[in-house]
Amino acid sequence: AIPADHQELVYFRENGFEIQKRAQVLGTLTRQHKGLC
């Protein structure tokens, strides 16, 4: 829902931060825990 030109999102993108959507974070949790989906 956040626009692509949001100042803070642009800052993180231009400075090489790891940026994830909610679904990607849940994916990370299933790799670090035992995911019952």
PDB file of all heavy atoms in Angstrom:
ATOM      1  N   ALA A   1       0.823  -1.213   0.000  1.00  0.00           N
ATOM      2  CA  ALA A   1       0.000   0.000   0.000  1.00  0.00           C
ATOM      3  C   ALA A   1       0.865   1.274   0.000  1.00  0.00           C
ATOM      4  O   ALA A   1       0.382   2.355  -0.330  1.00  0.00           O
ATOM      5  CB  ALA A   1      -0.918   0.002   1.216  1.00  0.00           C
ATOM      6  N   ILE A   2       2.143   1.142   0.353  1.00  0.00           N
ATOM      7  CA  ILE A   2       3.062   2.281   0.359  1.00  0.00           C
ATOM      8  C   ILE A   2       3.511   2.576  -1.073  1.00  0.00           C
ATOM      9  O   ILE A   2       3.964   1.667  -1.780  1.00  0.00           O
ATOM     10  CB  ILE A   2       4.293   1.966   1.241  1.00  0.00           C
ATOM     11  CG1 ILE A   2       3.873   1.792   2.713  1.00  0.00           C
ATOM     12  CG2 ILE A   2       5.358   3.047   1.105  1.00  0.00           C
ATOM     13  CD1 ILE A   2       3.411   3.053   3.390  1.00  0.00           C
ATOM     14  N   PRO A   3       3.408   3.824  -1.537  1.00  0.00           N
ATOM     15  CA  PRO A   3       3.833   4.137  -2.908  1.00  0.00           C
ATOM     16  C   PRO A   3       5.336   3.941  -3.099  1.00  0.00           C
ATOM     17  O   PRO A   3       6.117   4.111  -2.161  1.00  0.00           O
ATOM     18  CB  PRO A   3       3.434   5.612  -3.079  1.00  0.00           C
ATOM     19  CG  PRO A   3       3.263   6.148  -1.695  1.00  0.00           C
ATOM     20  CD  PRO A   3       2.842   4.999  -0.829  1.00  0.00           C
ATOM     21  N   ALA A   4       5.720   3.600  -4.325  1.00  0.00           N
ATOM     22  CA  ALA A   4       7.127   3.285  -4.621  1.00  0.00           C
ATOM     23  C   ALA A   4       8.045   4.488  -4.403  1.00  0.00           C
ATOM     24  O   ALA A   4       9.245   4.316  -4.158  1.00  0.00           O
ATOM     25  CB  ALA A   4       7.249   2.787  -6.055  1.00  0.00           C
ATOM     26  N   ASP A   5       7.493   5.721  -4.501  1.00  0.00           N
ATOM     27  CA  ASP A   5       8.341   6.905  -4.330  1.00  0.00           C
ATOM     28  C   ASP A   5       8.339   7.437  -2.896  1.00  0.00           C
ATOM     29  O   ASP A   5       8.793   8.565  -2.647  1.00  0.00           O
ATOM     30  CB  ASP A   5       7.894   8.006  -5.305  1.00  0.00           C
ATOM     31  CG  ASP A   5       6.451   8.462  -5.074  1.00  0.00           C
ATOM     32  OD1 ASP A   5       5.754   7.844  -4.235  1.00  0.00           O
ATOM     33  OD2 ASP A   5       6.023   9.423  -5.744  1.00  0.00           O
ATOM     34  N   HIS A   6       7.856   6.649  -1.951  1.00  0.00           N
ATOM     35  CA  HIS A   6       7.885   7.053  -0.542  1.00  0.00           C
ATOM     36  C   HIS A   6       9.340   7.330  -0.141  1.00  0.00           C
ATOM     37  O   HIS A   6      10.233   6.508  -0.378  1.00  0.00           O
ATOM     38  CB  HIS A   6       7.289   5.928   0.322  1.00  0.00           C
ATOM     39  CG  HIS A   6       7.081   6.306   1.752  1.00  0.00           C
ATOM     40  ND1 HIS A   6       8.097   6.302   2.672  1.00  0.00           N
ATOM     41  CD2 HIS A   6       5.974   6.691   2.422  1.00  0.00           C
ATOM     42  CE1 HIS A   6       7.625   6.658   3.854  1.00  0.00           C
ATOM     43  NE2 HIS A   6       6.330   6.905   3.726  1.00  0.00           N
ATOM     44  N   GLN A   7       9.591   8.502   0.459  1.00  0.00           N
ATOM     45  CA  GLN A   7      10.964   8.944   0.744  1.00  0.00           C
ATOM     46  C   GLN A   7      11.778   7.908   1.521  1.00  0.00           C
ATOM     47  O   GLN A   7      12.942   7.651   1.213  1.00  0.00           O
ATOM     48  CB  GLN A   7      10.937  10.244   1.559  1.00  0.00           C
ATOM     49  CG  GLN A   7      10.447  11.457   0.812  1.00  0.00           C
ATOM     50  CD  GLN A   7      10.395  12.686   1.711  1.00  0.00           C
ATOM     51  OE1 GLN A   7      11.169  12.807   2.675  1.00  0.00           O
ATOM     52  NE2 GLN A   7       9.479  13.598   1.419  1.00  0.00           N
ATOM     53  N   GLU A   8      11.161   7.316   2.528  1.00  0.00           N
ATOM     54  CA  GLU A   8      11.903   6.379   3.375  1.00  0.00           C
ATOM     55  C   GLU A   8      12.189   5.078   2.633  1.00  0.00           C
ATOM     56  O   GLU A   8      13.281   4.514   2.736  1.00  0.00           O
ATOM     57  CB  GLU A   8      11.130   6.129   4.670  1.00  0.00           C
ATOM     58  CG  GLU A   8      10.982   7.386   5.509  1.00  0.00           C
ATOM     59  CD  GLU A   8      10.173   7.175   6.770  1.00  0.00           C
ATOM     60  OE1 GLU A   8      10.046   6.016   7.222  1.00  0.00           O
ATOM     61  OE2 GLU A   8       9.665   8.172   7.319  1.00  0.00           O
ATOM     62  N   LEU A   9      11.212   4.610   1.858  1.00  0.00           N
ATOM     63  CA  LEU A   9      11.412   3.391   1.076  1.00  0.00           C
ATOM     64  C   LEU A   9      12.510   3.615   0.035  1.00  0.00           C
ATOM     65  O   LEU A   9      13.365   2.736  -0.191  1.00  0.00           O
ATOM     66  CB  LEU A   9      10.101   2.991   0.403  1.00  0.00           C
ATOM     67  CG  LEU A   9       9.978   1.566  -0.143  1.00  0.00           C
ATOM     68  CD1 LEU A   9      10.271   0.526   0.932  1.00  0.00           C
ATOM     69  CD2 LEU A   9       8.590   1.327  -0.725  1.00  0.00           C
ATOM     70  N   VAL A  10      12.517   4.798  -0.598  1.00  0.00           N
ATOM     71  CA  VAL A  10      13.562   5.139  -1.568  1.00  0.00           C
ATOM     72  C   VAL A  10      14.934   5.143  -0.890  1.00  0.00           C
ATOM     73  O   VAL A  10      15.921   4.626  -1.439  1.00  0.00           O
ATOM     74  CB  VAL A  10      13.272   6.517  -2.222  1.00  0.00           C
ATOM     75  CG1 VAL A  10      14.470   6.996  -3.034  1.00  0.00           C
ATOM     76  CG2 VAL A  10      12.034   6.428  -3.108  1.00  0.00           C
ATOM     77  N   TYR A  11      15.002   5.709   0.311  1.00  0.00           N
ATOM     78  CA  TYR A  11      16.268   5.742   1.064  1.00  0.00           C
ATOM     79  C   TYR A  11      16.806   4.335   1.294  1.00  0.00           C
ATOM     80  O   TYR A  11      17.993   4.055   1.037  1.00  0.00           O
ATOM     81  CB  TYR A  11      16.058   6.459   2.407  1.00  0.00           C
ATOM     82  CG  TYR A  11      17.197   6.253   3.387  1.00  0.00           C
ATOM     83  CD1 TYR A  11      18.360   7.025   3.313  1.00  0.00           C
ATOM     84  CD2 TYR A  11      17.112   5.268   4.382  1.00  0.00           C
ATOM     85  CE1 TYR A  11      19.403   6.826   4.208  1.00  0.00           C
ATOM     86  CE2 TYR A  11      18.154   5.069   5.271  1.00  0.00           C
ATOM     87  CZ  TYR A  11      19.297   5.847   5.185  1.00  0.00           C
ATOM     88  OH  TYR A  11      20.340   5.641   6.060  1.00  0.00           O
ATOM     89  N   PHE A  12      15.959   3.449   1.760  1.00  0.00           N
ATOM     90  CA  PHE A  12      16.406   2.080   2.039  1.00  0.00           C
ATOM     91  C   PHE A  12      16.812   1.361   0.752  1.00  0.00           C
ATOM     92  O   PHE A  12      17.804   0.636   0.719  1.00  0.00           O
ATOM     93  CB  PHE A  12      15.301   1.296   2.759  1.00  0.00           C
ATOM     94  CG  PHE A  12      15.079   1.714   4.181  1.00  0.00           C
ATOM     95  CD1 PHE A  12      13.842   2.198   4.600  1.00  0.00           C
ATOM     96  CD2 PHE A  12      16.105   1.612   5.110  1.00  0.00           C
ATOM     97  CE1 PHE A  12      13.642   2.583   5.913  1.00  0.00           C
ATOM     98  CE2 PHE A  12      15.908   1.997   6.446  1.00  0.00           C
ATOM     99  CZ  PHE A  12      14.683   2.485   6.837  1.00  0.00           C
ATOM    100  N   ARG A  13      16.043   1.601  -0.319  1.00  0.00           N
ATOM    101  CA  ARG A  13      16.342   0.934  -1.584  1.00  0.00           C
ATOM    102  C   ARG A  13      17.681   1.418  -2.148  1.00  0.00           C
ATOM    103  O   ARG A  13      18.525   0.623  -2.575  1.00  0.00           O
ATOM    104  CB  ARG A  13      15.203   1.205  -2.577  1.00  0.00           C
ATOM    105  CG  ARG A  13      15.258   0.325  -3.821  1.00  0.00           C
ATOM    106  CD  ARG A  13      14.115   0.633  -4.774  1.00  0.00           C
ATOM    107  NE  ARG A  13      12.812   0.321  -4.201  1.00  0.00           N
ATOM    108  CZ  ARG A  13      11.843   1.209  -3.987  1.00  0.00           C
ATOM    109  NH1 ARG A  13      12.034   2.471  -4.293  1.00  0.00           N
ATOM    110  NH2 ARG A  13      10.690   0.836  -3.472  1.00  0.00           N
ATOM    111  N   GLU A  14      17.902   2.744  -2.122  1.00  0.00           N
ATOM    112  CA  GLU A  14      19.127   3.312  -2.696  1.00  0.00           C
ATOM    113  C   GLU A  14      20.368   2.974  -1.889  1.00  0.00           C
ATOM    114  O   GLU A  14      21.490   2.995  -2.420  1.00  0.00           O
ATOM    115  CB  GLU A  14      18.978   4.831  -2.827  1.00  0.00           C
ATOM    116  CG  GLU A  14      17.984   5.244  -3.913  1.00  0.00           C
ATOM    117  CD  GLU A  14      17.861   6.750  -4.051  1.00  0.00           C
ATOM    118  OE1 GLU A  14      18.329   7.480  -3.127  1.00  0.00           O
ATOM    119  OE2 GLU A  14      17.280   7.208  -5.059  1.00  0.00           O
ATOM    120  N   ASN A  15      20.175   2.637  -0.611  1.00  0.00           N
ATOM    121  CA  ASN A  15      21.332   2.334   0.236  1.00  0.00           C
ATOM    122  C   ASN A  15      21.545   0.834   0.448  1.00  0.00           C
ATOM    123  O   ASN A  15      22.313   0.432   1.330  1.00  0.00           O
ATOM    124  CB  ASN A  15      21.195   3.056   1.585  1.00  0.00           C
ATOM    125  CG  ASN A  15      21.477   4.547   1.461  1.00  0.00           C
ATOM    126  OD1 ASN A  15      22.626   4.964   1.458  1.00  0.00           O
ATOM    127  ND2 ASN A  15      20.419   5.340   1.333  1.00  0.00           N
ATOM    128  N   GLY A  16      20.864   0.010  -0.341  1.00  0.00           N
ATOM    129  CA  GLY A  16      21.171  -1.416  -0.368  1.00  0.00           C
ATOM    130  C   GLY A  16      20.663  -2.233   0.802  1.00  0.00           C
ATOM    131  O   GLY A  16      21.211  -3.302   1.102  1.00  0.00           O
ATOM    132  N   PHE A  17      19.621  -1.759   1.484  1.00  0.00           N
ATOM    133  CA  PHE A  17      19.045  -2.536   2.583  1.00  0.00           C
ATOM    134  C   PHE A  17      18.279  -3.741   2.038  1.00  0.00           C
ATOM    135  O   PHE A  17      17.793  -3.711   0.903  1.00  0.00           O
ATOM    136  CB  PHE A  17      18.083  -1.666   3.402  1.00  0.00           C
ATOM    137  CG  PHE A  17      18.760  -0.739   4.363  1.00  0.00           C
ATOM    138  CD1 PHE A  17      19.422   0.404   3.910  1.00  0.00           C
ATOM    139  CD2 PHE A  17      18.745  -0.996   5.727  1.00  0.00           C
ATOM    140  CE1 PHE A  17      20.043   1.269   4.795  1.00  0.00           C
ATOM    141  CE2 PHE A  17      19.370  -0.132   6.625  1.00  0.00           C
ATOM    142  CZ  PHE A  17      20.019   0.998   6.157  1.00  0.00           C
ATOM    143  N   GLU A  18      18.174  -4.778   2.866  1.00  0.00           N
ATOM    144  CA  GLU A  18      17.299  -5.889   2.499  1.00  0.00           C
ATOM    145  C   GLU A  18      15.859  -5.474   2.787  1.00  0.00           C
ATOM    146  O   GLU A  18      15.512  -5.157   3.933  1.00  0.00           O
ATOM    147  CB  GLU A  18      17.651  -7.156   3.261  1.00  0.00           C
ATOM    148  CG  GLU A  18      16.719  -8.310   2.905  1.00  0.00           C
ATOM    149  CD  GLU A  18      17.336  -9.682   3.103  1.00  0.00           C
ATOM    150  OE1 GLU A  18      18.543  -9.771   3.311  1.00  0.00           O
ATOM    151  OE2 GLU A  18      16.561 -10.647   3.065  1.00  0.00           O
ATOM    152  N   ILE A  19      15.029  -5.487   1.750  1.00  0.00           N
ATOM    153  CA  ILE A  19      13.647  -5.030   1.857  1.00  0.00           C
ATOM    154  C   ILE A  19      12.734  -6.195   1.492  1.00  0.00           C
ATOM    155  O   ILE A  19      12.900  -6.807   0.432  1.00  0.00           O
ATOM    156  CB  ILE A  19      13.389  -3.839   0.917  1.00  0.00           C
ATOM    157  CG1 ILE A  19      14.367  -2.690   1.227  1.00  0.00           C
ATOM    158  CG2 ILE A  19      11.955  -3.349   1.031  1.00  0.00           C
ATOM    159  CD1 ILE A  19      14.313  -1.550   0.232  1.00  0.00           C
ATOM    160  N   GLN A  20      11.774  -6.496   2.361  1.00  0.00           N
ATOM    161  CA  GLN A  20      10.890  -7.628   2.119  1.00  0.00           C
ATOM    162  C   GLN A  20       9.432  -7.231   2.315  1.00  0.00           C
ATOM    163  O   GLN A  20       9.107  -6.369   3.138  1.00  0.00           O
ATOM    164  CB  GLN A  20      11.218  -8.799   3.063  1.00  0.00           C
ATOM    165  CG  GLN A  20      12.581  -9.405   2.858  1.00  0.00           C
ATOM    166  CD  GLN A  20      12.791 -10.661   3.689  1.00  0.00           C
ATOM    167  OE1 GLN A  20      11.898 -11.119   4.408  1.00  0.00           O
ATOM    168  NE2 GLN A  20      13.978 -11.243   3.592  1.00  0.00           N
ATOM    169  N   LYS A  21       8.543  -7.889   1.546  1.00  0.00           N
ATOM    170  CA  LYS A  21       7.110  -7.791   1.780  1.00  0.00           C
ATOM    171  C   LYS A  21       6.730  -8.748   2.919  1.00  0.00           C
ATOM    172  O   LYS A  21       7.502  -9.636   3.283  1.00  0.00           O
ATOM    173  CB  LYS A  21       6.328  -8.153   0.517  1.00  0.00           C
ATOM    174  CG  LYS A  21       6.458  -7.153  -0.603  1.00  0.00           C
ATOM    175  CD  LYS A  21       5.445  -7.395  -1.716  1.00  0.00           C
ATOM    176  CE  LYS A  21       5.775  -8.600  -2.545  1.00  0.00           C
ATOM    177  NZ  LYS A  21       4.911  -8.689  -3.746  1.00  0.00           N
ATOM    178  N   ARG A  22       5.517  -8.571   3.424  1.00  0.00           N
ATOM    179  CA  ARG A  22       5.051  -9.405   4.536  1.00  0.00           C
ATOM    180  C   ARG A  22       5.156 -10.895   4.202  1.00  0.00           C
ATOM    181  O   ARG A  22       5.615 -11.696   5.030  1.00  0.00           O
ATOM    182  CB  ARG A  22       3.601  -9.053   4.876  1.00  0.00           C
ATOM    183  CG  ARG A  22       2.996  -9.895   5.985  1.00  0.00           C
ATOM    184  CD  ARG A  22       1.597  -9.425   6.338  1.00  0.00           C
ATOM    185  NE  ARG A  22       1.037 -10.235   7.405  1.00  0.00           N
ATOM    186  CZ  ARG A  22       0.310 -11.328   7.214  1.00  0.00           C
ATOM    187  NH1 ARG A  22       0.064 -11.746   5.982  1.00  0.00           N
ATOM    188  NH2 ARG A  22      -0.166 -12.009   8.233  1.00  0.00           N
ATOM    189  N   ALA A  23       4.764 -11.281   2.979  1.00  0.00           N
ATOM    190  CA  ALA A  23       4.797 -12.696   2.604  1.00  0.00           C
ATOM    191  C   ALA A  23       6.221 -13.248   2.626  1.00  0.00           C
ATOM    192  O   ALA A  23       6.448 -14.400   3.000  1.00  0.00           O
ATOM    193  CB  ALA A  23       4.181 -12.879   1.215  1.00  0.00           C
ATOM    194  N   GLN A  24       7.193 -12.421   2.240  1.00  0.00           N
ATOM    195  CA  GLN A  24       8.586 -12.864   2.273  1.00  0.00           C
ATOM    196  C   GLN A  24       9.061 -13.082   3.705  1.00  0.00           C
ATOM    197  O   GLN A  24       9.814 -14.016   3.972  1.00  0.00           O
ATOM    198  CB  GLN A  24       9.480 -11.818   1.597  1.00  0.00           C
ATOM    199  CG  GLN A  24       9.283 -11.694   0.103  1.00  0.00           C
ATOM    200  CD  GLN A  24      10.065 -10.531  -0.462  1.00  0.00           C
ATOM    201  OE1 GLN A  24       9.542  -9.428  -0.587  1.00  0.00           O
ATOM    202  NE2 GLN A  24      11.313 -10.753  -0.804  1.00  0.00           N
ATOM    203  N   VAL A  25       8.615 -12.215   4.609  1.00  0.00           N
ATOM    204  CA  VAL A  25       9.011 -12.362   6.024  1.00  0.00           C
ATOM    205  C   VAL A  25       8.447 -13.661   6.593  1.00  0.00           C
ATOM    206  O   VAL A  25       9.141 -14.398   7.298  1.00  0.00           O
ATOM    207  CB  VAL A  25       8.530 -11.158   6.852  1.00  0.00           C
ATOM    208  CG1 VAL A  25       8.907 -11.342   8.328  1.00  0.00           C
ATOM    209  CG2 VAL A  25       9.140  -9.870   6.313  1.00  0.00           C
ATOM    210  N   LEU A  26       7.191 -13.949   6.269  1.00  0.00           N
ATOM    211  CA  LEU A  26       6.602 -15.205   6.721  1.00  0.00           C
ATOM    212  C   LEU A  26       7.399 -16.387   6.155  1.00  0.00           C
ATOM    213  O   LEU A  26       7.586 -17.406   6.824  1.00  0.00           O
ATOM    214  CB  LEU A  26       5.135 -15.294   6.306  1.00  0.00           C
ATOM    215  CG  LEU A  26       4.186 -14.285   6.967  1.00  0.00           C
ATOM    216  CD1 LEU A  26       2.774 -14.444   6.416  1.00  0.00           C
ATOM    217  CD2 LEU A  26       4.182 -14.449   8.487  1.00  0.00           C
ATOM    218  N   GLY A  27       7.868 -16.249   4.924  1.00  0.00           N
ATOM    219  CA  GLY A  27       8.712 -17.283   4.338  1.00  0.00           C
ATOM    220  C   GLY A  27       9.998 -17.464   5.108  1.00  0.00           C
ATOM    221  O   GLY A  27      10.442 -18.599   5.366  1.00  0.00           O
ATOM    222  N   THR A  28      10.608 -16.355   5.512  1.00  0.00           N
ATOM    223  CA  THR A  28      11.822 -16.426   6.333  1.00  0.00           C
ATOM    224  C   THR A  28      11.539 -17.168   7.638  1.00  0.00           C
ATOM    225  O   THR A  28      12.331 -18.010   8.079  1.00  0.00           O
ATOM    226  CB  THR A  28      12.343 -15.005   6.639  1.00  0.00           C
ATOM    227  OG1 THR A  28      12.657 -14.350   5.409  1.00  0.00           O
ATOM    228  CG2 THR A  28      13.588 -15.058   7.510  1.00  0.00           C
ATOM    229  N   LEU A  29      10.386 -16.881   8.245  1.00  0.00           N
ATOM    230  CA  LEU A  29      10.040 -17.551   9.507  1.00  0.00           C
ATOM    231  C   LEU A  29       9.873 -19.055   9.308  1.00  0.00           C
ATOM    232  O   LEU A  29      10.229 -19.840  10.187  1.00  0.00           O
ATOM    233  CB  LEU A  29       8.755 -16.948  10.094  1.00  0.00           C
ATOM    234  CG  LEU A  29       8.836 -15.483  10.529  1.00  0.00           C
ATOM    235  CD1 LEU A  29       7.516 -15.036  11.134  1.00  0.00           C
ATOM    236  CD2 LEU A  29       9.967 -15.270  11.524  1.00  0.00           C
ATOM    237  N   THR A  30       9.342 -19.476   8.145  1.00  0.00           N
ATOM    238  CA  THR A  30       9.177 -20.919   7.920  1.00  0.00           C
ATOM    239  C   THR A  30      10.517 -21.609   7.686  1.00  0.00           C
ATOM    240  O   THR A  30      10.617 -22.824   7.855  1.00  0.00           O
ATOM    241  CB  THR A  30       8.247 -21.214   6.713  1.00  0.00           C
ATOM    242  OG1 THR A  30       8.802 -20.659   5.509  1.00  0.00           O
ATOM    243  CG2 THR A  30       6.854 -20.672   6.929  1.00  0.00           C
ATOM    244  N   ARG A  31      11.531 -20.849   7.324  1.00  0.00           N
ATOM    245  CA  ARG A  31      12.864 -21.462   7.159  1.00  0.00           C
ATOM    246  C   ARG A  31      13.624 -21.500   8.476  1.00  0.00           C
ATOM    247  O   ARG A  31      14.529 -22.320   8.651  1.00  0.00           O
ATOM    248  CB  ARG A  31      13.661 -20.702   6.094  1.00  0.00           C
ATOM    249  CG  ARG A  31      13.149 -20.966   4.676  1.00  0.00           C
ATOM    250  CD  ARG A  31      13.989 -20.283   3.615  1.00  0.00           C
ATOM    251  NE  ARG A  31      13.757 -18.842   3.578  1.00  0.00           N
ATOM    252  CZ  ARG A  31      12.745 -18.261   2.949  1.00  0.00           C
ATOM    253  NH1 ARG A  31      11.839 -19.005   2.315  1.00  0.00           N
ATOM    254  NH2 ARG A  31      12.606 -16.957   2.942  1.00  0.00           N
ATOM    255  N   GLN A  32      13.263 -20.594   9.407  1.00  0.00           N
ATOM    256  CA  GLN A  32      13.950 -20.550  10.696  1.00  0.00           C
ATOM    257  C   GLN A  32      13.230 -21.374  11.766  1.00  0.00           C
ATOM    258  O   GLN A  32      13.827 -21.737  12.770  1.00  0.00           O
ATOM    259  CB  GLN A  32      14.055 -19.094  11.177  1.00  0.00           C
ATOM    260  CG  GLN A  32      14.715 -18.164  10.169  1.00  0.00           C
ATOM    261  CD  GLN A  32      16.164 -18.495   9.911  1.00  0.00           C
ATOM    262  OE1 GLN A  32      16.881 -18.875  10.826  1.00  0.00           O
ATOM    263  NE2 GLN A  32      16.611 -18.375   8.673  1.00  0.00           N
ATOM    264  N   HIS A  33      11.940 -21.629  11.549  1.00  0.00           N
ATOM    265  CA  HIS A  33      11.133 -22.439  12.462  1.00  0.00           C
ATOM    266  C   HIS A  33      10.568 -23.636  11.688  1.00  0.00           C
ATOM    267  O   HIS A  33      10.833 -23.792  10.504  1.00  0.00           O
ATOM    268  CB  HIS A  33       9.965 -21.617  13.027  1.00  0.00           C
ATOM    269  CG  HIS A  33      10.382 -20.447  13.860  1.00  0.00           C
ATOM    270  ND1 HIS A  33      10.750 -20.569  15.179  1.00  0.00           N
ATOM    271  CD2 HIS A  33      10.462 -19.125  13.565  1.00  0.00           C
ATOM    272  CE1 HIS A  33      11.048 -19.364  15.670  1.00  0.00           C
ATOM    273  NE2 HIS A  33      10.883 -18.475  14.705  1.00  0.00           N
ATOM    274  N   LYS A  34       9.786 -24.443  12.370  1.00  0.00           N
ATOM    275  CA  LYS A  34       9.044 -25.502  11.685  1.00  0.00           C
ATOM    276  C   LYS A  34       7.668 -24.941  11.318  1.00  0.00           C
ATOM    277  O   LYS A  34       6.810 -24.764  12.178  1.00  0.00           O
ATOM    278  CB  LYS A  34       8.905 -26.736  12.584  1.00  0.00           C
ATOM    279  CG  LYS A  34      10.229 -27.473  12.804  1.00  0.00           C
ATOM    280  CD  LYS A  34      10.042 -28.704  13.668  1.00  0.00           C
ATOM    281  CE  LYS A  34      11.358 -29.469  13.803  1.00  0.00           C
ATOM    282  NZ  LYS A  34      11.218 -30.654  14.678  1.00  0.00           N
ATOM    283  N   GLY A  35       7.505 -24.644  10.041  1.00  0.00           N
ATOM    284  CA  GLY A  35       6.277 -24.007   9.581  1.00  0.00           C
ATOM    285  C   GLY A  35       5.156 -25.008   9.377  1.00  0.00           C
ATOM    286  O   GLY A  35       5.293 -25.957   8.605  1.00  0.00           O
ATOM    287  N   LEU A  36       4.049 -24.812  10.073  1.00  0.00           N
ATOM    288  CA  LEU A  36       2.829 -25.601   9.886  1.00  0.00           C
ATOM    289  C   LEU A  36       1.857 -24.708   9.132  1.00  0.00           C
ATOM    290  O   LEU A  36       1.270 -23.786   9.702  1.00  0.00           O
ATOM    291  CB  LEU A  36       2.243 -26.031  11.236  1.00  0.00           C
ATOM    292  CG  LEU A  36       3.198 -26.764  12.193  1.00  0.00           C
ATOM    293  CD1 LEU A  36       2.468 -27.134  13.484  1.00  0.00           C
ATOM    294  CD2 LEU A  36       3.802 -27.993  11.540  1.00  0.00           C
ATOM    295  N   CYS A  37       1.710 -24.952   7.836  1.00  0.00           N
ATOM    296  CA  CYS A  37       0.996 -24.031   6.961  1.00  0.00           C
ATOM    297  C   CYS A  37      -0.319 -24.642   6.476  1.00  0.00           C
ATOM    298  O   CYS A  37      -0.413 -25.858   6.313  1.00  0.00           O
ATOM    299  CB  CYS A  37       1.868 -23.663   5.769  1.00  0.00           C
ATOM    300  SG  CYS A  37       3.477 -22.952   6.248  1.00  0.00           S
TER     301      CYS A  37
END
